[in-house]
PDB file of all heavy atoms in Angstrom:
ATOM      1  N   ILE A   1       5.320  -5.634  -9.802  1.00  0.00           N
ATOM      2  CA  ILE A   1       5.441  -5.485  -8.361  1.00  0.00           C
ATOM      3  C   ILE A   1       4.068  -5.512  -7.717  1.00  0.00           C
ATOM      4  O   ILE A   1       3.187  -4.718  -8.041  1.00  0.00           O
ATOM      5  CB  ILE A   1       6.205  -4.189  -8.001  1.00  0.00           C
ATOM      6  CG1 ILE A   1       6.222  -3.953  -6.490  1.00  0.00           C
ATOM      7  CG2 ILE A   1       5.667  -2.994  -8.738  1.00  0.00           C
ATOM      8  CD1 ILE A   1       7.057  -2.764  -6.083  1.00  0.00           C
ATOM      9  N   ARG A   2       3.887  -6.427  -6.788  1.00  0.00           N
ATOM     10  CA  ARG A   2       2.629  -6.559  -6.062  1.00  0.00           C
ATOM     11  C   ARG A   2       2.270  -5.258  -5.334  1.00  0.00           C
ATOM     12  O   ARG A   2       1.105  -4.854  -5.282  1.00  0.00           O
ATOM     13  CB  ARG A   2       2.757  -7.710  -5.060  1.00  0.00           C
ATOM     14  CG  ARG A   2       1.637  -7.823  -4.045  1.00  0.00           C
ATOM     15  CD  ARG A   2       0.358  -8.308  -4.671  1.00  0.00           C
ATOM     16  NE  ARG A   2      -0.725  -8.359  -3.703  1.00  0.00           N
ATOM     17  CZ  ARG A   2      -1.969  -8.731  -3.986  1.00  0.00           C
ATOM     18  NH1 ARG A   2      -2.257  -9.082  -5.214  1.00  0.00           N
ATOM     19  NH2 ARG A   2      -2.888  -8.744  -3.077  1.00  0.00           N
ATOM     20  N   SER A   3       3.271  -4.595  -4.781  1.00  0.00           N
ATOM     21  CA  SER A   3       3.022  -3.433  -3.926  1.00  0.00           C
ATOM     22  C   SER A   3       2.549  -2.205  -4.694  1.00  0.00           C
ATOM     23  O   SER A   3       2.269  -1.173  -4.079  1.00  0.00           O
ATOM     24  CB  SER A   3       4.283  -3.097  -3.128  1.00  0.00           C
ATOM     25  OG  SER A   3       4.653  -4.184  -2.309  1.00  0.00           O
ATOM     26  N   SER A   4       2.448  -2.292  -6.017  1.00  0.00           N
ATOM     27  CA  SER A   4       1.886  -1.165  -6.769  1.00  0.00           C
ATOM     28  C   SER A   4       0.472  -0.852  -6.311  1.00  0.00           C
ATOM     29  O   SER A   4       0.012   0.291  -6.400  1.00  0.00           O
ATOM     30  CB  SER A   4       1.900  -1.478  -8.268  1.00  0.00           C
ATOM     31  OG  SER A   4       1.104  -2.633  -8.549  1.00  0.00           O
ATOM     32  N   ILE A   5      -0.234  -1.857  -5.775  1.00  0.00           N
ATOM     33  CA  ILE A   5      -1.611  -1.653  -5.340  1.00  0.00           C
ATOM     34  C   ILE A   5      -1.689  -0.669  -4.176  1.00  0.00           C
ATOM     35  O   ILE A   5      -2.731  -0.066  -3.921  1.00  0.00           O
ATOM     36  CB  ILE A   5      -2.263  -3.007  -4.962  1.00  0.00           C
ATOM     37  CG1 ILE A   5      -3.791  -2.875  -4.870  1.00  0.00           C
ATOM     38  CG2 ILE A   5      -1.674  -3.550  -3.671  1.00  0.00           C
ATOM     39  CD1 ILE A   5      -4.461  -2.545  -6.170  1.00  0.00           C
ATOM     40  N   PHE A   6      -0.571  -0.468  -3.436  1.00  0.00           N
ATOM     41  CA  PHE A   6      -0.573   0.484  -2.324  1.00  0.00           C
ATOM     42  C   PHE A   6      -0.889   1.906  -2.791  1.00  0.00           C
ATOM     43  O   PHE A   6      -1.322   2.745  -1.994  1.00  0.00           O
ATOM     44  CB  PHE A   6       0.783   0.500  -1.623  1.00  0.00           C
ATOM     45  CG  PHE A   6       1.054  -0.716  -0.792  1.00  0.00           C
ATOM     46  CD1 PHE A   6       2.279  -1.359  -0.868  1.00  0.00           C
ATOM     47  CD2 PHE A   6       0.093  -1.227   0.065  1.00  0.00           C
ATOM     48  CE1 PHE A   6       2.543  -2.485  -0.098  1.00  0.00           C
ATOM     49  CE2 PHE A   6       0.344  -2.358   0.830  1.00  0.00           C
ATOM     50  CZ  PHE A   6       1.568  -2.985   0.751  1.00  0.00           C
ATOM     51  N   LEU A   7      -0.653   2.190  -4.050  1.00  0.00           N
ATOM     52  CA  LEU A   7      -0.884   3.539  -4.556  1.00  0.00           C
ATOM     53  C   LEU A   7      -2.364   3.824  -4.810  1.00  0.00           C
ATOM     54  O   LEU A   7      -2.742   4.978  -5.031  1.00  0.00           O
ATOM     55  CB  LEU A   7      -0.096   3.760  -5.849  1.00  0.00           C
ATOM     56  CG  LEU A   7       1.382   4.097  -5.653  1.00  0.00           C
ATOM     57  CD1 LEU A   7       2.166   3.859  -6.932  1.00  0.00           C
ATOM     58  CD2 LEU A   7       1.531   5.547  -5.194  1.00  0.00           C
ATOM     59  N   LEU A   8      -3.197   2.801  -4.774  1.00  0.00           N
ATOM     60  CA  LEU A   8      -4.610   2.998  -5.097  1.00  0.00           C
ATOM     61  C   LEU A   8      -5.267   3.986  -4.135  1.00  0.00           C
ATOM     62  O   LEU A   8      -5.913   4.955  -4.558  1.00  0.00           O
ATOM     63  CB  LEU A   8      -5.339   1.659  -5.081  1.00  0.00           C
ATOM     64  CG  LEU A   8      -6.831   1.683  -5.430  1.00  0.00           C
ATOM     65  CD1 LEU A   8      -7.066   2.372  -6.762  1.00  0.00           C
ATOM     66  CD2 LEU A   8      -7.385   0.266  -5.452  1.00  0.00           C
ATOM     67  N   GLY A   9      -5.120   3.772  -2.838  1.00  0.00           N
ATOM     68  CA  GLY A   9      -5.716   4.670  -1.852  1.00  0.00           C
ATOM     69  C   GLY A   9      -5.190   6.088  -1.943  1.00  0.00           C
ATOM     70  O   GLY A   9      -5.981   7.056  -2.001  1.00  0.00           O
ATOM     71  N   PRO A  10      -3.850   6.277  -1.959  1.00  0.00           N
ATOM     72  CA  PRO A  10      -3.319   7.637  -2.082  1.00  0.00           C
ATOM     73  C   PRO A  10      -3.717   8.354  -3.367  1.00  0.00           C
ATOM     74  O   PRO A  10      -3.989   9.558  -3.350  1.00  0.00           O
ATOM     75  CB  PRO A  10      -1.801   7.409  -2.010  1.00  0.00           C
ATOM     76  CG  PRO A  10      -1.644   6.177  -1.184  1.00  0.00           C
ATOM     77  CD  PRO A  10      -2.798   5.312  -1.590  1.00  0.00           C
ATOM     78  N   ILE A  11      -3.751   7.645  -4.503  1.00  0.00           N
ATOM     79  CA  ILE A  11      -4.155   8.288  -5.760  1.00  0.00           C
ATOM     80  C   ILE A  11      -5.617   8.729  -5.679  1.00  0.00           C
ATOM     81  O   ILE A  11      -5.983   9.832  -6.115  1.00  0.00           O
ATOM     82  CB  ILE A  11      -3.934   7.343  -6.953  1.00  0.00           C
ATOM     83  CG1 ILE A  11      -2.439   7.158  -7.220  1.00  0.00           C
ATOM     84  CG2 ILE A  11      -4.608   7.885  -8.209  1.00  0.00           C
ATOM     85  CD1 ILE A  11      -2.126   6.135  -8.293  1.00  0.00           C
ATOM     86  N   LEU A  12      -6.479   7.869  -5.116  1.00  0.00           N
ATOM     87  CA  LEU A  12      -7.881   8.242  -4.958  1.00  0.00           C
ATOM     88  C   LEU A  12      -8.022   9.471  -4.071  1.00  0.00           C
ATOM     89  O   LEU A  12      -8.842  10.362  -4.338  1.00  0.00           O
ATOM     90  CB  LEU A  12      -8.653   7.070  -4.348  1.00  0.00           C
ATOM     91  CG  LEU A  12      -9.160   6.008  -5.318  1.00  0.00           C
ATOM     92  CD1 LEU A  12      -9.653   4.787  -4.561  1.00  0.00           C
ATOM     93  CD2 LEU A  12     -10.277   6.575  -6.189  1.00  0.00           C
ATOM     94  N   THR A  13      -7.237   9.529  -3.015  1.00  0.00           N
ATOM     95  CA  THR A  13      -7.294  10.670  -2.109  1.00  0.00           C
ATOM     96  C   THR A  13      -6.878  11.953  -2.824  1.00  0.00           C
ATOM     97  O   THR A  13      -7.456  13.018  -2.602  1.00  0.00           O
ATOM     98  CB  THR A  13      -6.381  10.425  -0.896  1.00  0.00           C
ATOM     99  OG1 THR A  13      -6.841   9.267  -0.190  1.00  0.00           O
ATOM    100  CG2 THR A  13      -6.369  11.609   0.046  1.00  0.00           C
ATOM    101  N   ARG A  14      -5.891  11.835  -3.715  1.00  0.00           N
ATOM    102  CA  ARG A  14      -5.346  13.018  -4.378  1.00  0.00           C
ATOM    103  C   ARG A  14      -6.199  13.479  -5.553  1.00  0.00           C
ATOM    104  O   ARG A  14      -6.403  14.682  -5.765  1.00  0.00           O
ATOM    105  CB  ARG A  14      -3.927  12.720  -4.843  1.00  0.00           C
ATOM    106  CG  ARG A  14      -3.192  13.952  -5.362  1.00  0.00           C
ATOM    107  CD  ARG A  14      -1.714  13.688  -5.471  1.00  0.00           C
ATOM    108  NE  ARG A  14      -1.017  14.872  -5.951  1.00  0.00           N
ATOM    109  CZ  ARG A  14       0.072  15.380  -5.401  1.00  0.00           C
ATOM    110  NH1 ARG A  14       0.564  14.829  -4.310  1.00  0.00           N
ATOM    111  NH2 ARG A  14       0.655  16.442  -5.912  1.00  0.00           N
ATOM    112  N   PHE A  15      -6.709  12.531  -6.348  1.00  0.00           N
ATOM    113  CA  PHE A  15      -7.409  12.895  -7.590  1.00  0.00           C
ATOM    114  C   PHE A  15      -8.904  12.527  -7.599  1.00  0.00           C
ATOM    115  O   PHE A  15      -9.602  12.859  -8.541  1.00  0.00           O
ATOM    116  CB  PHE A  15      -6.736  12.220  -8.794  1.00  0.00           C
ATOM    117  CG  PHE A  15      -5.322  12.652  -9.017  1.00  0.00           C
ATOM    118  CD1 PHE A  15      -4.264  11.815  -8.694  1.00  0.00           C
ATOM    119  CD2 PHE A  15      -5.034  13.898  -9.546  1.00  0.00           C
ATOM    120  CE1 PHE A  15      -2.947  12.209  -8.902  1.00  0.00           C
ATOM    121  CE2 PHE A  15      -3.735  14.304  -9.758  1.00  0.00           C
ATOM    122  CZ  PHE A  15      -2.682  13.463  -9.433  1.00  0.00           C
ATOM    123  N   HIS A  16      -9.346  11.790  -6.563  1.00  0.00           N
ATOM    124  CA  HIS A  16     -10.728  11.314  -6.484  1.00  0.00           C
ATOM    125  C   HIS A  16     -11.072  10.358  -7.621  1.00  0.00           C
ATOM    126  O   HIS A  16     -12.247  10.109  -7.896  1.00  0.00           O
ATOM    127  CB  HIS A  16     -11.717  12.483  -6.441  1.00  0.00           C
ATOM    128  CG  HIS A  16     -11.447  13.447  -5.338  1.00  0.00           C
ATOM    129  ND1 HIS A  16     -11.499  13.102  -4.009  1.00  0.00           N
ATOM    130  CD2 HIS A  16     -11.071  14.759  -5.369  1.00  0.00           C
ATOM    131  CE1 HIS A  16     -11.198  14.148  -3.261  1.00  0.00           C
ATOM    132  NE2 HIS A  16     -10.917  15.167  -4.058  1.00  0.00           N
ATOM    133  N   LYS A  17     -10.057   9.842  -8.283  1.00  0.00           N
ATOM    134  CA  LYS A  17     -10.247   8.799  -9.286  1.00  0.00           C
ATOM    135  C   LYS A  17      -8.922   8.071  -9.471  1.00  0.00           C
ATOM    136  O   LYS A  17      -7.851   8.620  -9.195  1.00  0.00           O
ATOM    137  CB  LYS A  17     -10.721   9.376 -10.609  1.00  0.00           C
ATOM    138  CG  LYS A  17      -9.823  10.437 -11.220  1.00  0.00           C
ATOM    139  CD  LYS A  17     -10.436  11.011 -12.493  1.00  0.00           C
ATOM    140  CE  LYS A  17      -9.600  12.161 -13.055  1.00  0.00           C
ATOM    141  NZ  LYS A  17     -10.198  12.732 -14.284  1.00  0.00           N
ATOM    142  N   ALA A  18      -9.002   6.828  -9.925  1.00  0.00           N
ATOM    143  CA  ALA A  18      -7.795   6.034 -10.154  1.00  0.00           C
ATOM    144  C   ALA A  18      -8.107   4.920 -11.134  1.00  0.00           C
ATOM    145  O   ALA A  18      -9.218   4.369 -11.141  1.00  0.00           O
ATOM    146  CB  ALA A  18      -7.267   5.449  -8.838  1.00  0.00           C
ATOM    147  N   THR A  19      -7.130   4.608 -11.969  1.00  0.00           N
ATOM    148  CA  THR A  19      -7.236   3.485 -12.898  1.00  0.00           C
ATOM    149  C   THR A  19      -6.020   2.600 -12.694  1.00  0.00           C
ATOM    150  O   THR A  19      -4.884   3.046 -12.822  1.00  0.00           O
ATOM    151  CB  THR A  19      -7.283   3.968 -14.357  1.00  0.00           C
ATOM    152  OG1 THR A  19      -8.406   4.839 -14.523  1.00  0.00           O
ATOM    153  CG2 THR A  19      -7.403   2.795 -15.317  1.00  0.00           C
ATOM    154  N   VAL A  20      -6.268   1.344 -12.344  1.00  0.00           N
ATOM    155  CA  VAL A  20      -5.166   0.431 -12.041  1.00  0.00           C
ATOM    156  C   VAL A  20      -5.410  -0.913 -12.720  1.00  0.00           C
ATOM    157  O   VAL A  20      -6.546  -1.271 -13.034  1.00  0.00           O
ATOM    158  CB  VAL A  20      -5.007   0.217 -10.523  1.00  0.00           C
ATOM    159  CG1 VAL A  20      -4.709   1.524  -9.806  1.00  0.00           C
ATOM    160  CG2 VAL A  20      -6.243  -0.434  -9.921  1.00  0.00           C
ATOM    161  N   THR A  21      -4.311  -1.637 -12.944  1.00  0.00           N
ATOM    162  CA  THR A  21      -4.400  -3.018 -13.409  1.00  0.00           C
ATOM    163  C   THR A  21      -4.103  -3.930 -12.234  1.00  0.00           C
ATOM    164  O   THR A  21      -3.611  -3.497 -11.194  1.00  0.00           O
ATOM    165  CB  THR A  21      -3.394  -3.285 -14.535  1.00  0.00           C
ATOM    166  OG1 THR A  21      -2.074  -2.972 -14.063  1.00  0.00           O
ATOM    167  CG2 THR A  21      -3.694  -2.438 -15.748  1.00  0.00           C
ATOM    168  N   PHE A  22      -4.398  -5.209 -12.394  1.00  0.00           N
ATOM    169  CA  PHE A  22      -4.091  -6.151 -11.328  1.00  0.00           C
ATOM    170  C   PHE A  22      -2.576  -6.230 -11.146  1.00  0.00           C
ATOM    171  O   PHE A  22      -1.832  -6.353 -12.126  1.00  0.00           O
ATOM    172  CB  PHE A  22      -4.668  -7.528 -11.642  1.00  0.00           C
ATOM    173  CG  PHE A  22      -6.160  -7.582 -11.497  1.00  0.00           C
ATOM    174  CD1 PHE A  22      -6.993  -7.345 -12.577  1.00  0.00           C
ATOM    175  CD2 PHE A  22      -6.728  -7.833 -10.258  1.00  0.00           C
ATOM    176  CE1 PHE A  22      -8.365  -7.367 -12.445  1.00  0.00           C
ATOM    177  CE2 PHE A  22      -8.102  -7.866 -10.111  1.00  0.00           C
ATOM    178  CZ  PHE A  22      -8.932  -7.633 -11.203  1.00  0.00           C
ATOM    179  N   PRO A  23      -2.099  -6.158  -9.904  1.00  0.00           N
ATOM    180  CA  PRO A  23      -0.652  -6.104  -9.666  1.00  0.00           C
ATOM    181  C   PRO A  23       0.019  -7.452  -9.867  1.00  0.00           C
ATOM    182  O   PRO A  23      -0.633  -8.499  -9.900  1.00  0.00           O
ATOM    183  CB  PRO A  23      -0.553  -5.652  -8.207  1.00  0.00           C
ATOM    184  CG  PRO A  23      -1.810  -6.169  -7.582  1.00  0.00           C
ATOM    185  CD  PRO A  23      -2.865  -6.067  -8.658  1.00  0.00           C
ATOM    186  N   GLY A  24       1.369  -7.399  -9.974  1.00  0.00           N
ATOM    187  CA  GLY A  24       2.147  -8.621 -10.146  1.00  0.00           C
ATOM    188  C   GLY A  24       2.849  -9.019  -8.866  1.00  0.00           C
ATOM    189  O   GLY A  24       2.314  -8.877  -7.779  1.00  0.00           O
ATOM    190  N   GLY A  25       4.107  -9.506  -9.009  1.00  0.00           N
ATOM    191  CA  GLY A  25       4.860  -9.966  -7.844  1.00  0.00           C
ATOM    192  C   GLY A  25       5.183 -11.433  -7.967  1.00  0.00           C
ATOM    193  O   GLY A  25       4.974 -12.062  -9.006  1.00  0.00           O
ATOM    194  N   CYS A  26       5.685 -12.016  -6.874  1.00  0.00           N
ATOM    195  CA  CYS A  26       6.044 -13.432  -6.878  1.00  0.00           C
ATOM    196  C   CYS A  26       4.807 -14.311  -7.040  1.00  0.00           C
ATOM    197  O   CYS A  26       3.732 -14.004  -6.515  1.00  0.00           O
ATOM    198  CB  CYS A  26       6.755 -13.801  -5.568  1.00  0.00           C
ATOM    199  SG  CYS A  26       8.438 -13.167  -5.449  1.00  0.00           S
ATOM    200  N   GLU A  27       4.967 -15.425  -7.740  1.00  0.00           N
ATOM    201  CA  GLU A  27       3.859 -16.338  -7.982  1.00  0.00           C
ATOM    202  C   GLU A  27       3.775 -17.345  -6.840  1.00  0.00           C
ATOM    203  O   GLU A  27       4.187 -18.501  -6.958  1.00  0.00           O
ATOM    204  CB  GLU A  27       4.037 -17.037  -9.324  1.00  0.00           C
ATOM    205  CG  GLU A  27       3.992 -16.070 -10.509  1.00  0.00           C
ATOM    206  CD  GLU A  27       4.181 -16.758 -11.840  1.00  0.00           C
ATOM    207  OE1 GLU A  27       4.286 -18.010 -11.853  1.00  0.00           O
ATOM    208  OE2 GLU A  27       4.229 -16.072 -12.863  1.00  0.00           O
ATOM    209  N   ILE A  28       3.225 -16.904  -5.707  1.00  0.00           N
ATOM    210  CA  ILE A  28       3.132 -17.762  -4.525  1.00  0.00           C
ATOM    211  C   ILE A  28       1.687 -18.028  -4.149  1.00  0.00           C
ATOM    212  O   ILE A  28       1.409 -18.563  -3.087  1.00  0.00           O
ATOM    213  CB  ILE A  28       3.890 -17.147  -3.330  1.00  0.00           C
ATOM    214  CG1 ILE A  28       3.367 -15.750  -3.030  1.00  0.00           C
ATOM    215  CG2 ILE A  28       5.377 -17.134  -3.600  1.00  0.00           C
ATOM    216  CD1 ILE A  28       3.976 -15.118  -1.792  1.00  0.00           C
ATOM    217  N   GLY A  29       0.756 -17.628  -4.985  1.00  0.00           N
ATOM    218  CA  GLY A  29      -0.653 -17.842  -4.701  1.00  0.00           C
ATOM    219  C   GLY A  29      -1.505 -16.791  -5.389  1.00  0.00           C
ATOM    220  O   GLY A  29      -1.009 -15.908  -6.076  1.00  0.00           O
ATOM    221  N   LEU A  30      -2.812 -16.884  -5.186  1.00  0.00           N
ATOM    222  CA  LEU A  30      -3.740 -16.003  -5.880  1.00  0.00           C
ATOM    223  C   LEU A  30      -3.614 -14.554  -5.401  1.00  0.00           C
ATOM    224  O   LEU A  30      -3.628 -13.628  -6.188  1.00  0.00           O
ATOM    225  CB  LEU A  30      -5.178 -16.502  -5.669  1.00  0.00           C
ATOM    226  CG  LEU A  30      -5.499 -17.864  -6.287  1.00  0.00           C
ATOM    227  CD1 LEU A  30      -6.912 -18.292  -5.925  1.00  0.00           C
ATOM    228  CD2 LEU A  30      -5.337 -17.800  -7.813  1.00  0.00           C
ATOM    229  N   ARG A  31      -3.512 -14.339  -4.096  1.00  0.00           N
ATOM    230  CA  ARG A  31      -3.381 -13.017  -3.501  1.00  0.00           C
ATOM    231  C   ARG A  31      -4.331 -12.004  -4.151  1.00  0.00           C
ATOM    232  O   ARG A  31      -3.921 -10.983  -4.701  1.00  0.00           O
ATOM    233  CB  ARG A  31      -1.942 -12.506  -3.608  1.00  0.00           C
ATOM    234  CG  ARG A  31      -0.952 -13.441  -2.955  1.00  0.00           C
ATOM    235  CD  ARG A  31       0.303 -12.751  -2.547  1.00  0.00           C
ATOM    236  NE  ARG A  31       1.105 -12.323  -3.672  1.00  0.00           N
ATOM    237  CZ  ARG A  31       2.303 -11.771  -3.544  1.00  0.00           C
ATOM    238  NH1 ARG A  31       2.826 -11.592  -2.353  1.00  0.00           N
ATOM    239  NH2 ARG A  31       2.994 -11.395  -4.601  1.00  0.00           N
ATOM    240  N   PRO A  32      -5.636 -12.274  -4.114  1.00  0.00           N
ATOM    241  CA  PRO A  32      -6.584 -11.368  -4.756  1.00  0.00           C
ATOM    242  C   PRO A  32      -6.620 -10.018  -4.052  1.00  0.00           C
ATOM    243  O   PRO A  32      -6.299  -9.902  -2.868  1.00  0.00           O
ATOM    244  CB  PRO A  32      -7.923 -12.099  -4.604  1.00  0.00           C
ATOM    245  CG  PRO A  32      -7.747 -12.961  -3.387  1.00  0.00           C
ATOM    246  CD  PRO A  32      -6.309 -13.389  -3.419  1.00  0.00           C
ATOM    247  N   ILE A  33      -7.041  -8.992  -4.786  1.00  0.00           N
ATOM    248  CA  ILE A  33      -7.098  -7.650  -4.208  1.00  0.00           C
ATOM    249  C   ILE A  33      -8.525  -7.287  -3.819  1.00  0.00           C
ATOM    250  O   ILE A  33      -8.827  -6.114  -3.589  1.00  0.00           O
ATOM    251  CB  ILE A  33      -6.518  -6.606  -5.176  1.00  0.00           C
ATOM    252  CG1 ILE A  33      -7.361  -6.520  -6.456  1.00  0.00           C
ATOM    253  CG2 ILE A  33      -5.073  -6.914  -5.506  1.00  0.00           C
ATOM    254  CD1 ILE A  33      -6.984  -5.327  -7.333  1.00  0.00           C
ATOM    255  N   ASP A  34      -9.401  -8.288  -3.720  1.00  0.00           N
ATOM    256  CA  ASP A  34     -10.787  -7.993  -3.391  1.00  0.00           C
ATOM    257  C   ASP A  34     -10.926  -7.342  -2.025  1.00  0.00           C
ATOM    258  O   ASP A  34     -11.851  -6.544  -1.808  1.00  0.00           O
ATOM    259  CB  ASP A  34     -11.639  -9.268  -3.476  1.00  0.00           C
ATOM    260  CG  ASP A  34     -11.151 -10.358  -2.544  1.00  0.00           C
ATOM    261  OD1 ASP A  34      -9.932 -10.591  -2.500  1.00  0.00           O
ATOM    262  OD2 ASP A  34     -11.987 -10.991  -1.869  1.00  0.00           O
TER     263      ASP A  34
END
């Protein structure tokens, strides 16, 4: 699921650290998270 990346900000706010992998989702383009 592409939208897993939405948790990055809230997790950082809660724990001051986060470890994530690049998200998935439909293959409609690069959709980088930069």
